[in-house]
Protein backbone atom coordinates (compact mmCIF):
# COMPACT_ATOMS: atom_id res chain seq x y z
CA MET A 1 -9.23 -5.19 -31.30
CA THR A 2 -5.42 -6.06 -31.16
CA ILE A 3 -3.97 -9.03 -33.13
CA ILE A 4 -1.37 -10.88 -30.81
CA SER A 5 1.59 -12.97 -32.08
CA PHE A 6 1.31 -16.31 -32.10
CA ASP A 7 4.38 -16.62 -29.69
CA ASP A 8 2.33 -14.62 -27.04
CA VAL A 9 -0.84 -17.03 -27.65
CA LEU A 10 1.53 -20.16 -26.94
CA LYS A 11 2.85 -18.21 -23.83
CA LEU A 12 -0.61 -17.65 -22.25
CA LYS A 13 -1.93 -21.05 -23.39
CA GLN A 14 1.13 -22.53 -21.69
CA ALA A 15 0.91 -20.48 -18.48
CA CYS A 16 -2.75 -21.32 -18.06
CA SER A 17 -1.98 -25.11 -18.68
CA GLU A 18 0.55 -25.17 -16.14
CA LYS A 19 -1.03 -23.14 -13.40
CA PHE A 20 -4.99 -24.26 -13.76
CA LYS A 21 -4.78 -27.30 -16.29
CA GLU A 22 -7.08 -24.79 -18.32
CA HIS A 23 -7.07 -25.27 -21.79
CA VAL A 24 -7.48 -21.80 -23.99
CA HIS A 25 -9.08 -22.20 -27.27
CA PHE A 26 -7.50 -19.91 -29.88
CA HIS A 27 -9.71 -18.66 -32.79
CA ASP A 28 -8.25 -17.12 -35.62
CA ALA A 29 -10.87 -15.88 -38.23
CA CYS A 30 -10.92 -12.95 -40.79
CA GLY A 31 -13.19 -10.99 -38.27
CA GLY A 32 -10.12 -11.14 -35.79
CA GLN A 33 -8.81 -13.38 -33.01
CA TYR A 34 -10.76 -14.39 -30.06
CA PHE A 35 -10.26 -16.90 -27.34
CA THR A 36 -12.40 -19.19 -25.37
CA LEU A 37 -12.22 -21.02 -22.05
CA GLU A 38 -13.35 -24.39 -21.08
CA THR A 39 -13.93 -23.31 -17.15
CA ASP A 40 -15.85 -20.66 -15.62
CA SER A 41 -13.66 -19.42 -12.83
CA ASP A 42 -12.80 -15.60 -11.59
CA GLU A 43 -9.51 -16.80 -10.71
CA ILE A 44 -8.50 -17.86 -14.22
CA ARG A 45 -10.13 -14.63 -15.69
CA GLU A 46 -7.83 -12.52 -12.91
CA PHE A 47 -4.42 -14.55 -14.08
CA ILE A 48 -5.25 -14.06 -17.54
CA LYS A 49 -5.73 -10.43 -17.06
CA GLU A 50 -2.82 -9.91 -14.96
CA PHE A 51 -0.53 -12.36 -17.18
CA LEU A 52 -1.16 -10.38 -20.27
CA ILE A 53 -1.03 -6.92 -18.79
CA LYS A 54 2.57 -7.53 -18.18
CA MET A 55 2.83 -7.99 -22.18
CA ASP A 56 0.89 -4.71 -22.62
CA TYR A 57 -2.35 -6.21 -23.42
CA LYS A 58 -5.76 -5.32 -22.09
CA VAL A 59 -8.27 -8.30 -21.96
CA ASN A 60 -12.06 -7.69 -22.75
CA PHE A 61 -14.17 -10.73 -21.44
CA ASP A 62 -17.71 -11.22 -22.79
CA LYS A 63 -20.59 -11.29 -20.66
CA SER A 64 -20.47 -15.17 -20.16
CA GLY A 65 -16.84 -14.63 -18.93
CA MET A 66 -15.63 -17.42 -21.20
CA SER A 67 -14.71 -15.65 -24.24
CA PHE A 68 -12.13 -12.81 -24.22
CA THR A 69 -10.36 -10.57 -27.04
CA PHE A 70 -7.46 -8.01 -26.50
CA GLU A 71 -6.77 -4.43 -26.79
CA ASP A 72 -3.48 -2.68 -26.26
CA ALA A 73 -3.25 -1.61 -22.97
């Protein structure tokens, strides 16, 4: 699992908030970083994937589609 910079976290959170009014929750624990969404939406997930691939990150959503982590693209 890739650890991303706080600056990149802020960019993601701001982009999702502006486009969808979606709050992306950032969780940072000793096991690594992960993120959760409040809304179950294919459109939001696709936006996140496309937004972050431009920053050289690959997004891995869990089975629920509401939680994700990153890997280097």
